[in-house]
Amino acid sequence: MAAKRKEAVLQMNINSQELWEEMLCLEGLIVVDAYQAWCGPCKTVVDLFRRIRNEVSSDLLHFAVAEVDSVDALEKYRGKCEPIFLFYTKGELTAIVRGANAPLLQKTILKQLAVGKKVLEHGGERFVAHVLDAP
């Protein structure tokens, strides 16, 4: 009988300011599902994130879920009742997607990865914080 293969964790669980600061030090693109404690992280995008992770198979792509009530840096997102996805590179917020719009999330992830790859290969700076609202 074959042994069960342990599945890698898709999303890091960020539930403190200390973990938040450690996460921001990761190399590459970090996609954060910032959620309220009363509603939990967005489950509808997990399959999308898993598929993207498998397609791009990049060590420079990370996914996380962060409870805004437990992370001081996310205070401005408290009290919101819609999914919000924050995109970070080198500790800087580079894009925001409001709403669980799978095509928009996929497009933003792939675009941010491509920009990040160019910056790594050719140097330069990234533009910060584009807000994209789902229709």
C-alpha atoms as a PDB file:
ATOM      1  CA  MET A   1       0.000   0.000   0.000  1.00  0.00           C
ATOM      2  CA  ALA A   2       1.403   3.363  -1.020  1.00  0.00           C
ATOM      3  CA  ALA A   3       1.969   5.962   1.679  1.00  0.00           C
ATOM      4  CA  LYS A   4      -0.175   9.077   1.532  1.00  0.00           C
ATOM      5  CA  ARG A   5       1.692  12.060   0.236  1.00  0.00           C
ATOM      6  CA  LYS A   6       1.511  15.012   2.602  1.00  0.00           C
ATOM      7  CA  GLU A   7       0.055  18.019   0.827  1.00  0.00           C
ATOM      8  CA  ALA A   8       2.034  21.236   1.087  1.00  0.00           C
ATOM      9  CA  VAL A   9       0.349  24.137   2.825  1.00  0.00           C
ATOM     10  CA  LEU A  10      -1.055  26.473   0.178  1.00  0.00           C
ATOM     11  CA  GLN A  11      -1.711  29.513   2.358  1.00  0.00           C
ATOM     12  CA  MET A  12       0.286  30.726   5.348  1.00  0.00           C
ATOM     13  CA  ASN A  13      -1.900  31.606   8.330  1.00  0.00           C
ATOM     14  CA  ILE A  14      -1.017  35.088   9.611  1.00  0.00           C
ATOM     15  CA  ASN A  15      -2.627  35.852  12.965  1.00  0.00           C
ATOM     16  CA  SER A  16      -0.197  38.252  14.635  1.00  0.00           C
ATOM     17  CA  GLN A  17       1.791  41.388  13.838  1.00  0.00           C
ATOM     18  CA  GLU A  18       5.014  39.399  14.293  1.00  0.00           C
ATOM     19  CA  LEU A  19       3.995  36.792  11.683  1.00  0.00           C
ATOM     20  CA  TRP A  20       2.862  39.615   9.375  1.00  0.00           C
ATOM     21  CA  GLU A  21       6.283  41.267   9.537  1.00  0.00           C
ATOM     22  CA  GLU A  22       8.039  37.929   8.907  1.00  0.00           C
ATOM     23  CA  MET A  23       5.803  37.277   5.905  1.00  0.00           C
ATOM     24  CA  LEU A  24       6.627  40.652   4.361  1.00  0.00           C
ATOM     25  CA  CYS A  25      10.303  39.631   4.278  1.00  0.00           C
ATOM     26  CA  LEU A  26       9.619  36.769   1.861  1.00  0.00           C
ATOM     27  CA  GLU A  27      11.131  37.021  -1.606  1.00  0.00           C
ATOM     28  CA  GLY A  28       8.627  37.354  -4.456  1.00  0.00           C
ATOM     29  CA  LEU A  29       4.901  38.045  -4.672  1.00  0.00           C
ATOM     30  CA  ILE A  30       2.683  37.515  -1.650  1.00  0.00           C
ATOM     31  CA  VAL A  31      -1.096  37.375  -2.186  1.00  0.00           C
ATOM     32  CA  VAL A  32      -2.923  37.968   1.091  1.00  0.00           C
ATOM     33  CA  ASP A  33      -6.595  37.222   1.709  1.00  0.00           C
ATOM     34  CA  ALA A  34      -7.315  39.789   4.453  1.00  0.00           C
ATOM     35  CA  TYR A  35     -10.405  38.570   6.311  1.00  0.00           C
ATOM     36  CA  GLN A  36     -12.596  39.362   9.314  1.00  0.00           C
ATOM     37  CA  ALA A  37     -12.617  36.889  12.200  1.00  0.00           C
ATOM     38  CA  TRP A  38     -16.411  36.617  12.056  1.00  0.00           C
ATOM     39  CA  CYS A  39     -16.493  35.447   8.421  1.00  0.00           C
ATOM     40  CA  GLY A  40     -13.182  33.671   7.855  1.00  0.00           C
ATOM     41  CA  PRO A  41     -11.004  33.603   4.738  1.00  0.00           C
ATOM     42  CA  CYS A  42     -12.502  33.364   1.251  1.00  0.00           C
ATOM     43  CA  LYS A  43     -12.876  29.656   0.445  1.00  0.00           C
ATOM     44  CA  THR A  44     -14.014  30.170  -3.145  1.00  0.00           C
ATOM     45  CA  VAL A  45     -10.529  31.178  -4.318  1.00  0.00           C
ATOM     46  CA  VAL A  46      -8.540  28.293  -2.810  1.00  0.00           C
ATOM     47  CA  ASP A  47      -8.893  26.109  -5.914  1.00  0.00           C
ATOM     48  CA  LEU A  48      -7.887  29.059  -8.128  1.00  0.00           C
ATOM     49  CA  PHE A  49      -4.790  29.692  -6.019  1.00  0.00           C
ATOM     50  CA  ARG A  50      -3.880  25.987  -6.073  1.00  0.00           C
ATOM     51  CA  ARG A  51      -4.258  25.873  -9.872  1.00  0.00           C
ATOM     52  CA  ILE A  52      -2.133  29.013 -10.358  1.00  0.00           C
ATOM     53  CA  ARG A  53       0.532  27.655  -7.984  1.00  0.00           C
ATOM     54  CA  ASN A  54       0.680  24.413 -10.017  1.00  0.00           C
ATOM     55  CA  GLU A  55       0.772  26.235 -13.371  1.00  0.00           C
ATOM     56  CA  VAL A  56       3.511  28.723 -12.541  1.00  0.00           C
ATOM     57  CA  SER A  57       5.363  26.504 -10.028  1.00  0.00           C
ATOM     58  CA  SER A  58       7.370  29.456  -8.794  1.00  0.00           C
ATOM     59  CA  ASP A  59       9.160  29.822  -5.483  1.00  0.00           C
ATOM     60  CA  LEU A  60       8.425  33.531  -5.876  1.00  0.00           C
ATOM     61  CA  LEU A  61       4.655  33.118  -5.377  1.00  0.00           C
ATOM     62  CA  HIS A  62       3.208  32.907  -1.875  1.00  0.00           C
ATOM     63  CA  PHE A  63      -0.350  32.866  -0.592  1.00  0.00           C
ATOM     64  CA  ALA A  64      -1.475  33.851   2.891  1.00  0.00           C
ATOM     65  CA  VAL A  65      -4.621  34.435   4.891  1.00  0.00           C
ATOM     66  CA  ALA A  66      -4.483  37.200   7.484  1.00  0.00           C
ATOM     67  CA  GLU A  67      -7.046  37.946  10.172  1.00  0.00           C
ATOM     68  CA  VAL A  68      -7.291  41.751  10.133  1.00  0.00           C
ATOM     69  CA  ASP A  69      -8.410  41.858  13.775  1.00  0.00           C
ATOM     70  CA  SER A  70      -5.109  40.275  14.868  1.00  0.00           C
ATOM     71  CA  VAL A  71      -2.682  42.300  12.728  1.00  0.00           C
ATOM     72  CA  ASP A  72      -2.150  45.958  13.592  1.00  0.00           C
ATOM     73  CA  ALA A  73      -0.924  46.793  10.081  1.00  0.00           C
ATOM     74  CA  LEU A  74      -4.325  45.724   8.669  1.00  0.00           C
ATOM     75  CA  GLU A  75      -6.441  47.924  10.950  1.00  0.00           C
ATOM     76  CA  LYS A  76      -7.839  49.978   8.046  1.00  0.00           C
ATOM     77  CA  TYR A  77      -9.426  46.827   6.588  1.00  0.00           C
ATOM     78  CA  ARG A  78     -11.422  46.038   9.737  1.00  0.00           C
ATOM     79  CA  GLY A  79     -15.201  46.266   9.534  1.00  0.00           C
ATOM     80  CA  LYS A  80     -15.354  45.520   5.789  1.00  0.00           C
ATOM     81  CA  CYS A  81     -17.776  42.864   4.601  1.00  0.00           C
ATOM     82  CA  GLU A  82     -16.217  42.003   1.245  1.00  0.00           C
ATOM     83  CA  PRO A  83     -13.229  39.845   0.405  1.00  0.00           C
ATOM     84  CA  ILE A  84     -10.062  41.883  -0.063  1.00  0.00           C
ATOM     85  CA  PHE A  85      -6.834  40.588  -1.548  1.00  0.00           C
ATOM     86  CA  LEU A  86      -3.585  42.462  -0.958  1.00  0.00           C
ATOM     87  CA  PHE A  87      -0.520  41.974  -3.165  1.00  0.00           C
ATOM     88  CA  TYR A  88       2.917  42.605  -1.657  1.00  0.00           C
ATOM     89  CA  THR A  89       6.421  42.553  -3.113  1.00  0.00           C
ATOM     90  CA  LYS A  90       9.506  43.404  -1.068  1.00  0.00           C
ATOM     91  CA  GLY A  91       7.245  44.513   1.776  1.00  0.00           C
ATOM     92  CA  GLU A  92       5.409  47.051  -0.403  1.00  0.00           C
ATOM     93  CA  LEU A  93       1.723  46.945  -1.290  1.00  0.00           C
ATOM     94  CA  THR A  94       1.597  46.715  -5.097  1.00  0.00           C
ATOM     95  CA  ALA A  95      -2.066  45.948  -5.807  1.00  0.00           C
ATOM     96  CA  ILE A  96      -5.441  45.451  -4.131  1.00  0.00           C
ATOM     97  CA  VAL A  97      -8.370  43.434  -5.476  1.00  0.00           C
ATOM     98  CA  ARG A  98     -11.727  43.922  -3.797  1.00  0.00           C
ATOM     99  CA  GLY A  99     -14.182  41.060  -4.202  1.00  0.00           C
ATOM    100  CA  ALA A 100     -13.786  37.384  -5.046  1.00  0.00           C
ATOM    101  CA  ASN A 101     -13.515  37.818  -8.814  1.00  0.00           C
ATOM    102  CA  ALA A 102     -11.509  34.788 -10.014  1.00  0.00           C
ATOM    103  CA  PRO A 103     -10.623  36.137 -13.499  1.00  0.00           C
ATOM    104  CA  LEU A 104      -9.460  39.466 -12.034  1.00  0.00           C
ATOM    105  CA  LEU A 105      -7.456  37.727  -9.303  1.00  0.00           C
ATOM    106  CA  GLN A 106      -5.771  35.435 -11.840  1.00  0.00           C
ATOM    107  CA  LYS A 107      -4.976  38.341 -14.170  1.00  0.00           C
ATOM    108  CA  THR A 108      -3.547  40.401 -11.290  1.00  0.00           C
ATOM    109  CA  ILE A 109      -1.431  37.527  -9.936  1.00  0.00           C
ATOM    110  CA  LEU A 110       0.050  36.747 -13.357  1.00  0.00           C
ATOM    111  CA  LYS A 111       0.671  40.431 -14.107  1.00  0.00           C
ATOM    112  CA  GLN A 112       2.331  41.038 -10.721  1.00  0.00           C
ATOM    113  CA  LEU A 113       4.520  37.950 -11.180  1.00  0.00           C
ATOM    114  CA  ALA A 114       5.587  39.130 -14.653  1.00  0.00           C
ATOM    115  CA  VAL A 115       6.435  42.618 -13.377  1.00  0.00           C
ATOM    116  CA  GLY A 116       8.330  41.151 -10.447  1.00  0.00           C
ATOM    117  CA  LYS A 117      10.311  38.882 -12.748  1.00  0.00           C
ATOM    118  CA  LYS A 118      11.289  41.845 -14.954  1.00  0.00           C
ATOM    119  CA  VAL A 119      12.357  43.861 -11.920  1.00  0.00           C
ATOM    120  CA  LEU A 120      14.487  40.953 -10.665  1.00  0.00           C
ATOM    121  CA  GLU A 121      16.101  40.401 -14.078  1.00  0.00           C
ATOM    122  CA  HIS A 122      16.609  44.019 -15.163  1.00  0.00           C
ATOM    123  CA  GLY A 123      16.459  46.044 -11.948  1.00  0.00           C
ATOM    124  CA  GLY A 124      14.234  49.025 -11.459  1.00  0.00           C
ATOM    125  CA  GLU A 125      11.312  49.808  -9.224  1.00  0.00           C
ATOM    126  CA  ARG A 126       7.719  48.681  -8.976  1.00  0.00           C
ATOM    127  CA  PHE A 127       4.687  50.908  -8.999  1.00  0.00           C
ATOM    128  CA  VAL A 128       2.706  50.702  -5.789  1.00  0.00           C
ATOM    129  CA  ALA A 129      -0.937  50.008  -4.929  1.00  0.00           C
ATOM    130  CA  HIS A 130      -3.348  49.652  -7.809  1.00  0.00           C
ATOM    131  CA  VAL A 131      -6.878  49.108  -6.473  1.00  0.00           C
ATOM    132  CA  LEU A 132      -9.010  46.802  -8.620  1.00  0.00           C
ATOM    133  CA  ASP A 133     -12.659  46.378  -7.705  1.00  0.00           C
ATOM    134  CA  ALA A 134     -14.612  43.348  -8.821  1.00  0.00           C
ATOM    135  CA  PRO A 135     -17.806  44.299 -10.696  1.00  0.00           C
END
